[in-house]
Amino acid sequence: MDQRYLKYWIQSYLAGVPQIKVGLRNDEGHLLEVLTLQTKDLGSRSYRSPMQNARWNPLVVIDFMDAFCSFAREKISQAPSDVTLRFRYEPSSQTISVNPAPLESQSLNASLRAILES
């Protein structure tokens, strides 16, 4: 559950949602309990986790998102306007790679662009 708090937090934080409802299920998928959680408290919940890799800090997440958005903006501005870029996180090297997306994504991008421009 603790790893999901990061996803809940970033989505709720960016959307300005002050509290969320989380349903807890058993292994068969039956709802056991509904929790009401304050968005601002989700980061501190991760610090109480016994799993070291589940802990995260909201300030570090915001700094990472700021750095990634700057990186993405730079790469996008350098790419030709008809090319769709794919950003991929590489866990083994803890890096982000940037490559042109496959051709099927390129044609989808062109279709979407045509719809938006009409």
Protein backbone atom coordinates (compact mmCIF):
# COMPACT_ATOMS: atom_id res chain seq x y z
CA MET A 1 0.00 0.00 0.00
CA ASP A 2 2.79 2.45 0.86
CA GLN A 3 4.14 2.65 -2.71
CA ARG A 4 0.69 3.67 -3.94
CA TYR A 5 0.68 6.69 -1.63
CA LEU A 6 3.24 8.37 -3.88
CA LYS A 7 0.95 7.99 -6.90
CA TYR A 8 -2.06 9.18 -4.90
CA TRP A 9 -0.10 12.13 -3.54
CA ILE A 10 1.32 13.42 -6.82
CA GLN A 11 -2.03 13.19 -8.62
CA SER A 12 -3.92 14.83 -5.75
CA TYR A 13 -1.24 17.45 -5.10
CA LEU A 14 -1.07 18.55 -8.75
CA ALA A 15 -4.87 18.66 -9.03
CA GLY A 16 -5.26 20.54 -5.73
CA VAL A 17 -7.35 17.78 -4.13
CA PRO A 18 -7.10 18.13 -0.32
CA GLN A 19 -8.34 14.65 0.61
CA ILE A 20 -8.89 11.30 -1.06
CA LYS A 21 -10.82 8.11 -0.39
CA VAL A 22 -8.92 4.83 -0.62
CA GLY A 23 -10.62 1.44 -0.67
CA LEU A 24 -8.79 -1.50 0.92
CA ARG A 25 -9.55 -4.92 -0.59
CA ASN A 26 -8.80 -8.49 0.33
CA ASP A 27 -7.15 -11.00 -2.03
CA GLU A 28 -10.52 -11.81 -3.62
CA GLY A 29 -11.09 -8.14 -4.40
CA HIS A 30 -13.82 -7.56 -1.81
CA LEU A 31 -13.89 -4.12 -0.25
CA LEU A 32 -12.91 -4.30 3.42
CA GLU A 33 -12.54 -0.68 4.42
CA VAL A 34 -12.63 2.85 3.00
CA LEU A 35 -10.06 5.31 4.33
CA THR A 36 -10.26 9.09 4.07
CA LEU A 37 -6.74 10.45 3.76
CA GLN A 38 -5.48 14.03 3.73
CA THR A 39 -3.23 14.66 0.74
CA LYS A 40 -0.76 16.65 2.86
CA ASP A 41 -0.30 13.65 5.19
CA LEU A 42 0.52 11.01 2.57
CA GLY A 43 4.27 11.74 2.60
CA SER A 44 4.54 11.31 6.36
CA ARG A 45 2.74 7.95 6.09
CA SER A 46 5.57 6.66 3.90
CA TYR A 47 8.10 7.42 6.65
CA ARG A 48 6.20 5.12 9.02
CA SER A 49 6.52 2.24 6.56
CA PRO A 50 8.69 -0.68 7.68
CA MET A 51 9.74 -1.08 4.03
CA GLN A 52 12.76 1.15 3.43
CA ASN A 53 12.15 1.35 -0.34
CA ALA A 54 8.58 2.60 0.18
CA ARG A 55 9.69 5.85 1.84
CA TRP A 56 9.61 9.12 -0.08
CA ASN A 57 9.76 12.82 0.64
CA PRO A 58 7.29 15.24 -1.03
CA LEU A 59 9.98 17.93 -1.41
CA VAL A 60 12.29 15.50 -3.22
CA VAL A 61 9.42 14.48 -5.51
CA ILE A 62 8.66 18.12 -6.35
CA ASP A 63 12.35 18.83 -7.04
CA PHE A 64 12.55 15.77 -9.30
CA MET A 65 9.42 16.79 -11.21
CA ASP A 66 10.78 20.31 -11.67
CA ALA A 67 14.10 18.97 -12.97
CA PHE A 68 12.36 16.45 -15.25
CA CYS A 69 10.01 19.09 -16.70
CA SER A 70 12.98 21.35 -17.46
CA PHE A 71 14.85 18.43 -19.05
CA ALA A 72 11.79 17.43 -21.11
CA ARG A 73 11.14 21.02 -22.23
CA GLU A 74 14.75 21.31 -23.45
CA LYS A 75 14.64 18.00 -25.34
CA ILE A 76 11.25 18.78 -26.90
CA SER A 77 12.38 22.23 -28.04
CA GLN A 78 15.43 20.67 -29.74
CA ALA A 79 13.42 18.00 -31.59
CA PRO A 80 11.80 18.54 -34.98
CA SER A 81 8.13 19.45 -34.61
CA ASP A 82 6.97 16.33 -36.48
CA VAL A 83 8.78 13.92 -34.12
CA THR A 84 7.23 12.42 -31.00
CA LEU A 85 9.70 11.72 -28.22
CA ARG A 86 9.55 8.84 -25.78
CA PHE A 87 11.00 9.39 -22.31
CA ARG A 88 11.88 6.21 -20.47
CA TYR A 89 13.26 5.73 -16.96
CA GLU A 90 16.04 3.14 -16.78
CA PRO A 91 16.03 1.77 -13.19
CA SER A 92 19.35 -0.09 -13.49
CA SER A 93 21.28 3.09 -14.31
CA GLN A 94 18.80 5.53 -12.71
CA THR A 95 18.76 7.61 -15.88
CA ILE A 96 16.11 8.86 -18.28
CA SER A 97 16.58 8.05 -21.95
CA VAL A 98 15.01 10.06 -24.77
CA ASN A 99 14.39 8.56 -28.19
CA PRO A 100 12.02 9.12 -31.10
CA ALA A 101 8.85 7.13 -30.51
CA PRO A 102 8.03 4.20 -32.81
CA LEU A 103 6.37 5.00 -36.12
CA GLU A 104 2.89 4.00 -34.93
CA SER A 105 3.18 6.66 -32.21
CA GLN A 106 4.39 9.19 -34.78
CA SER A 107 1.29 8.67 -36.94
CA LEU A 108 -0.95 8.92 -33.88
CA ASN A 109 0.78 12.18 -32.98
CA ALA A 110 0.16 13.54 -36.49
CA SER A 111 -3.51 12.53 -36.28
CA LEU A 112 -3.93 14.20 -32.90
CA ARG A 113 -2.15 17.33 -34.09
CA ALA A 114 -4.48 17.53 -37.14
CA ILE A 115 -7.54 17.20 -34.90
CA LEU A 116 -6.29 19.87 -32.49
CA GLU A 117 -5.43 22.29 -35.29
CA SER A 118 -8.80 21.97 -37.04
